[in-house]
Amino acid sequence: MNQRLILFVSLLFSSICFSQNRWYEGNLKGLEDLSFDLNIKGIDDGVWEKRLFSFIELRLLEHGIEFVEDQMPRMVIDVSILDSRVEKTSSFLVMFSVYNYGISEEDYYRSMADTFITKKLMTSKVFSQEVIGQTNSDKIHRDVEKSINKILSVYFDQWYRDNPLKQF
């Protein structure tokens, strides 16, 4: 019985240790210029939306990533805010996604064997992070900005891991 328990615990431990890598690792290799969409729902504040757009654009420009129009890859940031002036807490959700064209592995290998270039491209999500938060109404703008900044830091960390020569 003890041997089975030790075997079970060791298998459980090893499976947990080796399964904890990022699903998007390597997906950002070669991504430099991208198009950008910022979607804010729940608050109609055009000035804050423009300020947030400019902040994100400047953060990306610091790292040499520029916005281009109507091109893939596409970065999309969706912000949903439930601002409650009645209750003490307001909630928000920030979804950060990067989409790019992709091809299924089966179609890729079939096209390599036939020397036929496939046209079956699909849009795939290559990076994604989400943050859900609660705060009070007075701090909702600041906390959403902090969450976006945190997600951008995670994105840049992964981007530099996938593109190590961009650091120099």
N, C-alpha and C. Protein backbone atom coordinates (compact mmCIF):
# COMPACT_ATOMS: atom_id res chain seq x y z
N MET A 1 0.82 -1.20 0.00
CA MET A 1 0.00 0.00 0.00
C MET A 1 0.86 1.25 0.00
N ASN A 2 1.94 1.25 0.80
CA ASN A 2 2.82 2.41 0.86
C ASN A 2 3.52 2.65 -0.47
N GLN A 3 3.89 1.58 -1.17
CA GLN A 3 4.55 1.73 -2.46
C GLN A 3 3.60 2.37 -3.48
N ARG A 4 2.35 1.95 -3.46
CA ARG A 4 1.37 2.54 -4.37
C ARG A 4 1.14 4.02 -4.06
N LEU A 5 1.09 4.34 -2.80
CA LEU A 5 0.91 5.73 -2.40
C LEU A 5 2.11 6.58 -2.82
N ILE A 6 3.30 6.05 -2.62
CA ILE A 6 4.52 6.78 -3.02
C ILE A 6 4.55 6.93 -4.53
N LEU A 7 4.20 5.89 -5.28
CA LEU A 7 4.15 5.96 -6.73
C LEU A 7 3.12 6.98 -7.19
N PHE A 8 1.95 6.97 -6.58
CA PHE A 8 0.90 7.91 -6.94
C PHE A 8 1.33 9.35 -6.67
N VAL A 9 1.90 9.60 -5.51
CA VAL A 9 2.34 10.96 -5.16
C VAL A 9 3.46 11.41 -6.08
N SER A 10 4.40 10.53 -6.41
CA SER A 10 5.50 10.93 -7.30
C SER A 10 4.99 11.20 -8.71
N LEU A 11 4.04 10.40 -9.21
CA LEU A 11 3.45 10.67 -10.52
C LEU A 11 2.66 11.97 -10.52
N LEU A 12 1.92 12.20 -9.48
CA LEU A 12 1.17 13.45 -9.36
C LEU A 12 2.10 14.65 -9.32
N PHE A 13 3.15 14.55 -8.53
CA PHE A 13 4.11 15.65 -8.40
C PHE A 13 4.81 15.92 -9.73
N SER A 14 5.26 14.87 -10.42
CA SER A 14 5.97 15.07 -11.68
C SER A 14 5.05 15.61 -12.76
N SER A 15 3.80 15.16 -12.79
CA SER A 15 2.88 15.68 -13.81
C SER A 15 2.55 17.15 -13.56
N ILE A 16 2.45 17.54 -12.32
CA ILE A 16 2.19 18.95 -12.01
C ILE A 16 3.40 19.80 -12.36
N CYS A 17 4.59 19.34 -12.05
CA CYS A 17 5.81 20.11 -12.31
C CYS A 17 6.05 20.31 -13.79
N PHE A 18 5.83 19.30 -14.60
CA PHE A 18 6.16 19.38 -16.01
C PHE A 18 5.03 19.91 -16.88
N SER A 19 3.87 20.14 -16.31
CA SER A 19 2.75 20.64 -17.11
C SER A 19 2.50 22.13 -16.91
N GLN A 20 3.39 22.82 -16.27
CA GLN A 20 3.14 24.21 -15.92
C GLN A 20 3.81 25.21 -16.87
N ASN A 21 3.96 24.91 -18.14
CA ASN A 21 4.54 25.89 -19.04
C ASN A 21 3.44 26.64 -19.79
N ARG A 22 3.80 27.77 -20.36
CA ARG A 22 2.84 28.65 -21.00
C ARG A 22 2.43 28.09 -22.36
N TRP A 23 1.14 28.14 -22.66
CA TRP A 23 0.67 27.62 -23.93
C TRP A 23 1.08 28.52 -25.09
N TYR A 24 1.35 29.79 -24.82
CA TYR A 24 1.67 30.73 -25.88
C TYR A 24 3.17 30.89 -26.09
N GLU A 25 3.98 30.05 -25.45
CA GLU A 25 5.43 30.17 -25.55
C GLU A 25 5.86 29.93 -27.00
N GLY A 26 6.59 30.88 -27.56
CA GLY A 26 7.06 30.78 -28.93
C GLY A 26 6.12 31.38 -29.95
N ASN A 27 4.91 31.71 -29.57
CA ASN A 27 3.93 32.24 -30.53
C ASN A 27 4.20 33.67 -30.96
N LEU A 28 4.98 34.42 -30.20
CA LEU A 28 5.21 35.83 -30.52
C LEU A 28 6.48 36.05 -31.33
N LYS A 29 7.13 34.97 -31.73
CA LYS A 29 8.38 35.08 -32.48
C LYS A 29 8.12 35.76 -33.83
N GLY A 30 8.86 36.81 -34.09
CA GLY A 30 8.76 37.52 -35.35
C GLY A 30 7.65 38.55 -35.43
N LEU A 31 6.85 38.71 -34.39
CA LEU A 31 5.80 39.73 -34.40
C LEU A 31 6.40 41.08 -34.06
N GLU A 32 6.29 42.02 -34.97
CA GLU A 32 6.85 43.35 -34.72
C GLU A 32 5.77 44.42 -34.83
N ASP A 33 5.23 44.60 -36.01
CA ASP A 33 4.19 45.60 -36.20
C ASP A 33 2.84 44.91 -36.17
N LEU A 34 1.86 45.55 -35.54
CA LEU A 34 0.54 44.95 -35.45
C LEU A 34 -0.53 46.02 -35.46
N SER A 35 -1.73 45.61 -35.81
CA SER A 35 -2.86 46.53 -35.73
C SER A 35 -3.46 46.41 -34.33
N PHE A 36 -4.25 47.39 -33.96
CA PHE A 36 -4.69 47.49 -32.57
C PHE A 36 -6.14 47.93 -32.50
N ASP A 37 -6.89 47.28 -31.61
CA ASP A 37 -8.27 47.68 -31.30
C ASP A 37 -8.41 47.78 -29.80
N LEU A 38 -9.01 48.87 -29.34
CA LEU A 38 -9.33 49.06 -27.93
C LEU A 38 -10.84 49.20 -27.83
N ASN A 39 -11.47 48.28 -27.13
CA ASN A 39 -12.93 48.28 -26.97
C ASN A 39 -13.26 48.46 -25.50
N ILE A 40 -13.93 49.56 -25.19
CA ILE A 40 -14.31 49.84 -23.81
C ILE A 40 -15.83 49.86 -23.72
N LYS A 41 -16.35 49.05 -22.80
CA LYS A 41 -17.80 48.97 -22.59
C LYS A 41 -18.09 49.27 -21.14
N GLY A 42 -19.13 50.05 -20.91
CA GLY A 42 -19.57 50.32 -19.55
C GLY A 42 -19.35 51.75 -19.10
N ILE A 43 -18.42 52.46 -19.72
CA ILE A 43 -18.16 53.86 -19.38
C ILE A 43 -18.02 54.64 -20.68
N ASP A 44 -18.74 55.73 -20.79
CA ASP A 44 -18.62 56.60 -21.96
C ASP A 44 -17.78 57.80 -21.60
N ASP A 45 -16.48 57.63 -21.67
CA ASP A 45 -15.54 58.70 -21.35
C ASP A 45 -14.50 58.74 -22.47
N GLY A 46 -14.78 59.54 -23.49
CA GLY A 46 -13.92 59.61 -24.66
C GLY A 46 -12.51 60.09 -24.36
N VAL A 47 -12.38 61.01 -23.41
CA VAL A 47 -11.06 61.54 -23.06
C VAL A 47 -10.21 60.45 -22.42
N TRP A 48 -10.80 59.71 -21.49
CA TRP A 48 -10.05 58.63 -20.84
C TRP A 48 -9.69 57.53 -21.84
N GLU A 49 -10.60 57.24 -22.78
CA GLU A 49 -10.33 56.22 -23.79
C GLU A 49 -9.16 56.63 -24.68
N LYS A 50 -9.11 57.90 -25.09
CA LYS A 50 -7.98 58.38 -25.91
C LYS A 50 -6.68 58.36 -25.12
N ARG A 51 -6.75 58.71 -23.84
CA ARG A 51 -5.55 58.69 -22.99
C ARG A 51 -5.04 57.26 -22.83
N LEU A 52 -5.95 56.32 -22.65
CA LEU A 52 -5.59 54.92 -22.52
C LEU A 52 -4.98 54.38 -23.82
N PHE A 53 -5.56 54.75 -24.95
CA PHE A 53 -5.03 54.35 -26.25
C PHE A 53 -3.61 54.88 -26.43
N SER A 54 -3.40 56.16 -26.09
CA SER A 54 -2.07 56.76 -26.22
C SER A 54 -1.06 56.10 -25.29
N PHE A 55 -1.48 55.78 -24.07
CA PHE A 55 -0.60 55.11 -23.12
C PHE A 55 -0.13 53.76 -23.67
N ILE A 56 -1.07 52.97 -24.21
CA ILE A 56 -0.73 51.66 -24.75
C ILE A 56 0.19 51.80 -25.96
N GLU A 57 -0.12 52.76 -26.83
CA GLU A 57 0.72 52.97 -28.01
C GLU A 57 2.13 53.37 -27.62
N LEU A 58 2.28 54.24 -26.63
CA LEU A 58 3.62 54.65 -26.19
C LEU A 58 4.37 53.50 -25.54
N ARG A 59 3.69 52.67 -24.75
CA ARG A 59 4.36 51.50 -24.15
C ARG A 59 4.89 50.57 -25.23
N LEU A 60 4.11 50.36 -26.29
CA LEU A 60 4.56 49.49 -27.37
C LEU A 60 5.70 50.12 -28.16
N LEU A 61 5.62 51.43 -28.38
CA LEU A 61 6.69 52.12 -29.11
C LEU A 61 8.01 52.10 -28.35
N GLU A 62 7.95 52.09 -27.01
CA GLU A 62 9.17 51.98 -26.21
C GLU A 62 9.95 50.72 -26.54
N HIS A 63 9.23 49.70 -26.97
CA HIS A 63 9.85 48.40 -27.27
C HIS A 63 9.97 48.15 -28.77
N GLY A 64 9.74 49.18 -29.57
CA GLY A 64 9.91 49.06 -31.01
C GLY A 64 8.76 48.40 -31.74
N ILE A 65 7.60 48.34 -31.13
CA ILE A 65 6.42 47.74 -31.76
C ILE A 65 5.51 48.87 -32.20
N GLU A 66 5.21 48.92 -33.50
CA GLU A 66 4.40 50.01 -34.04
C GLU A 66 3.03 49.51 -34.47
N PHE A 67 2.07 50.44 -34.48
CA PHE A 67 0.72 50.14 -34.95
C PHE A 67 0.66 50.36 -36.45
N VAL A 68 0.02 49.44 -37.15
CA VAL A 68 -0.25 49.59 -38.57
C VAL A 68 -1.75 49.33 -38.77
N GLU A 69 -2.28 49.82 -39.87
CA GLU A 69 -3.72 49.68 -40.13
C GLU A 69 -4.01 48.41 -40.92
N ASP A 70 -5.09 47.76 -40.57
CA ASP A 70 -5.65 46.63 -41.34
C ASP A 70 -4.62 45.58 -41.71
N GLN A 71 -3.92 45.09 -40.72
CA GLN A 71 -2.90 44.07 -40.97
C GLN A 71 -2.93 43.07 -39.82
N MET A 72 -2.57 41.86 -40.12
CA MET A 72 -2.40 40.87 -39.07
C MET A 72 -0.92 40.85 -38.72
N PRO A 73 -0.56 40.61 -37.52
CA PRO A 73 -1.32 40.26 -36.34
C PRO A 73 -2.10 41.45 -35.78
N ARG A 74 -3.13 41.14 -35.00
CA ARG A 74 -4.00 42.16 -34.43
C ARG A 74 -4.04 41.99 -32.91
N MET A 75 -3.78 43.10 -32.21
CA MET A 75 -3.87 43.13 -30.76
C MET A 75 -5.22 43.75 -30.40
N VAL A 76 -5.96 43.06 -29.54
CA VAL A 76 -7.28 43.53 -29.14
C VAL A 76 -7.33 43.57 -27.62
N ILE A 77 -7.70 44.74 -27.09
CA ILE A 77 -7.90 44.87 -25.65
C ILE A 77 -9.36 45.23 -25.43
N ASP A 78 -10.08 44.33 -24.76
CA ASP A 78 -11.48 44.55 -24.41
C ASP A 78 -11.57 44.87 -22.93
N VAL A 79 -12.19 46.00 -22.62
CA VAL A 79 -12.37 46.41 -21.23
C VAL A 79 -13.87 46.52 -20.97
N SER A 80 -14.35 45.74 -20.01
CA SER A 80 -15.75 45.80 -19.60
C SER A 80 -15.80 46.29 -18.17
N ILE A 81 -16.55 47.36 -17.95
CA ILE A 81 -16.62 47.98 -16.63
C ILE A 81 -18.06 48.00 -16.16
N LEU A 82 -18.27 47.57 -14.94
CA LEU A 82 -19.57 47.66 -14.29
C LEU A 82 -19.40 48.64 -13.14
N ASP A 83 -19.65 49.91 -13.43
CA ASP A 83 -19.44 50.98 -12.45
C ASP A 83 -20.73 51.19 -11.67
N SER A 84 -20.69 50.84 -10.41
CA SER A 84 -21.88 50.95 -9.56
C SER A 84 -21.70 52.13 -8.62
N ARG A 85 -22.47 53.16 -8.83
CA ARG A 85 -22.43 54.32 -7.94
C ARG A 85 -23.23 54.06 -6.66
N VAL A 86 -24.12 53.06 -6.71
CA VAL A 86 -24.96 52.75 -5.56
C VAL A 86 -24.22 51.86 -4.57
N GLU A 87 -23.61 50.80 -5.09
CA GLU A 87 -22.87 49.86 -4.25
C GLU A 87 -21.45 50.38 -4.00
N LYS A 88 -20.79 49.80 -3.01
CA LYS A 88 -19.43 50.23 -2.69
C LYS A 88 -18.41 49.74 -3.71
N THR A 89 -18.67 48.61 -4.34
CA THR A 89 -17.69 48.04 -5.25
C THR A 89 -18.16 48.09 -6.69
N SER A 90 -17.20 48.35 -7.56
CA SER A 90 -17.40 48.29 -9.00
C SER A 90 -16.48 47.20 -9.53
N SER A 91 -16.85 46.60 -10.63
CA SER A 91 -16.08 45.49 -11.18
C SER A 91 -15.60 45.83 -12.58
N PHE A 92 -14.51 45.17 -12.98
CA PHE A 92 -14.01 45.34 -14.34
C PHE A 92 -13.37 44.05 -14.82
N LEU A 93 -13.32 43.91 -16.14
CA LEU A 93 -12.68 42.78 -16.80
C LEU A 93 -11.84 43.34 -17.93
N VAL A 94 -10.57 42.98 -17.96
CA VAL A 94 -9.67 43.38 -19.04
C VAL A 94 -9.24 42.10 -19.75
N MET A 95 -9.54 42.02 -21.05
CA MET A 95 -9.12 40.87 -21.86
C MET A 95 -8.15 41.36 -22.93
N PHE A 96 -6.98 40.79 -22.93
CA PHE A 96 -5.89 41.18 -23.82
C PHE A 96 -5.60 39.99 -24.72
N SER A 97 -5.74 40.16 -26.04
CA SER A 97 -5.53 39.05 -26.97
C SER A 97 -4.73 39.53 -28.17
N VAL A 98 -3.92 38.64 -28.70
CA VAL A 98 -3.21 38.88 -29.96
C VAL A 98 -3.61 37.76 -30.91
N TYR A 99 -4.10 38.15 -32.09
CA TYR A 99 -4.54 37.20 -33.10
C TYR A 99 -3.59 37.26 -34.29
N ASN A 100 -3.41 36.11 -34.95
CA ASN A 100 -2.58 36.04 -36.15
C ASN A 100 -3.13 34.93 -37.03
N TYR A 101 -2.71 34.94 -38.29
CA TYR A 101 -3.11 33.87 -39.18
C TYR A 101 -2.36 32.60 -38.83
N GLY A 102 -3.02 31.49 -38.99
CA GLY A 102 -2.40 30.21 -38.72
C GLY A 102 -2.93 29.16 -39.68
N ILE A 103 -2.34 28.00 -39.60
CA ILE A 103 -2.74 26.88 -40.44
C ILE A 103 -2.70 25.63 -39.58
N SER A 104 -3.60 24.72 -39.83
CA SER A 104 -3.60 23.48 -39.05
C SER A 104 -2.37 22.65 -39.41
N GLU A 105 -1.94 21.86 -38.46
CA GLU A 105 -0.74 21.04 -38.67
C GLU A 105 -0.96 20.05 -39.82
N GLU A 106 -2.15 19.51 -39.91
CA GLU A 106 -2.46 18.55 -40.98
C GLU A 106 -2.36 19.20 -42.35
N ASP A 107 -2.95 20.40 -42.51
CA ASP A 107 -2.87 21.10 -43.79
C ASP A 107 -1.44 21.51 -44.13
N TYR A 108 -0.67 21.86 -43.11
CA TYR A 108 0.72 22.25 -43.34
C TYR A 108 1.52 21.08 -43.91
N TYR A 109 1.42 19.93 -43.27
CA TYR A 109 2.19 18.77 -43.74
C TYR A 109 1.69 18.27 -45.09
N ARG A 110 0.38 18.36 -45.32
CA ARG A 110 -0.15 17.96 -46.62
C ARG A 110 0.37 18.88 -47.72
N SER A 111 0.44 20.19 -47.45
CA SER A 111 0.93 21.12 -48.47
C SER A 111 2.43 20.93 -48.72
N MET A 112 3.17 20.53 -47.69
CA MET A 112 4.60 20.27 -47.88
C MET A 112 4.82 19.03 -48.74
N ALA A 113 3.98 18.03 -48.57
CA ALA A 113 4.12 16.79 -49.33
C ALA A 113 3.70 16.98 -50.79
N ASP A 114 2.68 17.80 -51.01
CA ASP A 114 2.16 18.00 -52.37
C ASP A 114 2.83 19.16 -53.09
N THR A 115 3.71 19.87 -52.42
CA THR A 115 4.31 21.12 -52.92
C THR A 115 3.22 22.09 -53.39
N PHE A 116 2.09 22.06 -52.71
CA PHE A 116 0.97 22.94 -52.98
C PHE A 116 0.79 23.85 -51.79
N ILE A 117 0.77 25.14 -52.03
CA ILE A 117 0.61 26.10 -50.95
C ILE A 117 -0.88 26.22 -50.63
N THR A 118 -1.21 25.89 -49.42
CA THR A 118 -2.62 25.89 -49.03
C THR A 118 -3.12 27.31 -48.80
N LYS A 119 -4.41 27.48 -49.01
CA LYS A 119 -5.04 28.78 -48.77
C LYS A 119 -6.02 28.69 -47.61
N LYS A 120 -5.88 27.66 -46.81
CA LYS A 120 -6.81 27.44 -45.70
C LYS A 120 -6.28 28.09 -44.42
N LEU A 121 -6.02 29.37 -44.48
CA LEU A 121 -5.56 30.08 -43.29
C LEU A 121 -6.74 30.37 -42.37
N MET A 122 -6.48 30.35 -41.09
CA MET A 122 -7.50 30.68 -40.11
C MET A 122 -6.92 31.67 -39.12
N THR A 123 -7.77 32.38 -38.46
CA THR A 123 -7.33 33.32 -37.44
C THR A 123 -7.21 32.57 -36.13
N SER A 124 -6.05 32.70 -35.50
CA SER A 124 -5.78 31.99 -34.25
C SER A 124 -5.36 32.98 -33.18
N LYS A 125 -5.70 32.65 -31.95
CA LYS A 125 -5.27 33.46 -30.81
C LYS A 125 -3.88 32.97 -30.41
N VAL A 126 -2.87 33.87 -30.47
CA VAL A 126 -1.50 33.46 -30.17
C VAL A 126 -1.04 33.92 -28.80
N PHE A 127 -1.79 34.82 -28.18
CA PHE A 127 -1.46 35.28 -26.83
C PHE A 127 -2.74 35.77 -26.18
N SER A 128 -2.91 35.49 -24.90
CA SER A 128 -4.12 35.93 -24.21
C SER A 128 -3.86 36.03 -22.72
N GLN A 129 -4.35 37.10 -22.13
CA GLN A 129 -4.31 37.30 -20.68
C GLN A 129 -5.60 38.01 -20.29
N GLU A 130 -6.11 37.69 -19.11
CA GLU A 130 -7.31 38.33 -18.60
C GLU A 130 -7.10 38.73 -17.15
N VAL A 131 -7.72 39.84 -16.77
CA VAL A 131 -7.69 40.29 -15.38
C VAL A 131 -9.11 40.68 -15.00
N ILE A 132 -9.58 40.14 -13.88
CA ILE A 132 -10.87 40.52 -13.31
C ILE A 132 -10.57 41.23 -12.00
N GLY A 133 -11.22 42.37 -11.79
CA GLY A 133 -10.95 43.10 -10.56
C GLY A 133 -12.18 43.80 -10.01
N GLN A 134 -12.08 44.15 -8.74
CA GLN A 134 -13.11 44.94 -8.08
C GLN A 134 -12.44 46.10 -7.37
N THR A 135 -13.10 47.21 -7.39
CA THR A 135 -12.59 48.42 -6.76
C THR A 135 -13.78 49.33 -6.48
N ASN A 136 -13.51 50.52 -5.94
CA ASN A 136 -14.63 51.45 -5.78
C ASN A 136 -14.68 52.38 -7.00
N SER A 137 -15.77 53.11 -7.13
CA SER A 137 -16.00 53.92 -8.32
C SER A 137 -14.96 55.01 -8.53
N ASP A 138 -14.41 55.52 -7.43
CA ASP A 138 -13.42 56.60 -7.55
C ASP A 138 -12.10 56.11 -8.14
N LYS A 139 -11.79 54.83 -7.96
CA LYS A 139 -10.50 54.30 -8.40
C LYS A 139 -10.59 53.39 -9.62
N ILE A 140 -11.74 53.34 -10.28
CA ILE A 140 -11.94 52.38 -11.36
C ILE A 140 -11.00 52.65 -12.54
N HIS A 141 -10.83 53.93 -12.93
CA HIS A 141 -9.94 54.25 -14.04
C HIS A 141 -8.50 53.86 -13.72
N ARG A 142 -8.07 54.20 -12.54
CA ARG A 142 -6.69 53.91 -12.15
C ARG A 142 -6.42 52.41 -12.09
N ASP A 143 -7.36 51.65 -11.54
CA ASP A 143 -7.16 50.21 -11.42
C ASP A 143 -7.20 49.50 -12.77
N VAL A 144 -8.03 49.97 -13.69
CA VAL A 144 -8.04 49.41 -15.04
C VAL A 144 -6.71 49.70 -15.72
N GLU A 145 -6.20 50.92 -15.58
CA GLU A 145 -4.90 51.27 -16.17
C GLU A 145 -3.78 50.41 -15.58
N LYS A 146 -3.81 50.18 -14.27
CA LYS A 146 -2.79 49.33 -13.64
C LYS A 146 -2.88 47.90 -14.16
N SER A 147 -4.08 47.41 -14.37
CA SER A 147 -4.25 46.05 -14.89
C SER A 147 -3.73 45.93 -16.31
N ILE A 148 -4.02 46.93 -17.14
CA ILE A 148 -3.51 46.91 -18.52
C ILE A 148 -2.00 46.99 -18.52
N ASN A 149 -1.44 47.82 -17.65
CA ASN A 149 0.01 47.94 -17.56
C ASN A 149 0.64 46.61 -17.13
N LYS A 150 0.00 45.92 -16.21
CA LYS A 150 0.51 44.62 -15.75
C LYS A 150 0.47 43.60 -16.89
N ILE A 151 -0.63 43.57 -17.64
CA ILE A 151 -0.74 42.64 -18.76
C ILE A 151 0.28 42.97 -19.84
N LEU A 152 0.50 44.26 -20.11
CA LEU A 152 1.52 44.65 -21.08
C LEU A 152 2.90 44.19 -20.65
N SER A 153 3.18 44.25 -19.36
CA SER A 153 4.48 43.77 -18.86
C SER A 153 4.64 42.28 -19.09
N VAL A 154 3.58 41.50 -18.88
CA VAL A 154 3.63 40.06 -19.15
C VAL A 154 3.85 39.82 -20.65
N TYR A 155 3.15 40.61 -21.48
CA TYR A 155 3.31 40.49 -22.93
C TYR A 155 4.75 40.78 -23.36
N PHE A 156 5.31 41.88 -22.84
CA PHE A 156 6.69 42.22 -23.21
C PHE A 156 7.68 41.18 -22.73
N ASP A 157 7.45 40.63 -21.56
CA ASP A 157 8.33 39.58 -21.05
C ASP A 157 8.32 38.38 -22.00
N GLN A 158 7.14 37.96 -22.43
CA GLN A 158 7.06 36.84 -23.36
C GLN A 158 7.60 37.21 -24.73
N TRP A 159 7.34 38.44 -25.17
CA TRP A 159 7.82 38.88 -26.48
C TRP A 159 9.34 38.86 -26.53
N TYR A 160 10.00 39.30 -25.46
CA TYR A 160 11.47 39.27 -25.42
C TYR A 160 12.00 37.85 -25.28
N ARG A 161 11.26 36.97 -24.65
CA ARG A 161 11.68 35.56 -24.60
C ARG A 161 11.63 34.93 -25.99
N ASP A 162 10.61 35.29 -26.76
CA ASP A 162 10.47 34.75 -28.10
C ASP A 162 11.35 35.46 -29.12
N ASN A 163 11.73 36.70 -28.86
CA ASN A 163 12.58 37.50 -29.75
C ASN A 163 13.77 38.04 -28.97
N PRO A 164 14.71 37.20 -28.55
CA PRO A 164 15.78 37.66 -27.66
C PRO A 164 16.71 38.70 -28.28
N LEU A 165 16.86 38.72 -29.58
CA LEU A 165 17.76 39.69 -30.21
C LEU A 165 17.19 41.11 -30.21
N LYS A 166 15.90 41.26 -29.93
CA LYS A 166 15.29 42.60 -29.88
C LYS A 166 15.70 43.38 -28.64
N GLN A 167 16.37 42.72 -27.71
CA GLN A 167 16.82 43.41 -26.49
C GLN A 167 18.02 44.30 -26.75
N PHE A 168 18.69 44.10 -27.87
CA PHE A 168 19.94 44.84 -28.12
C PHE A 168 19.76 45.85 -29.22
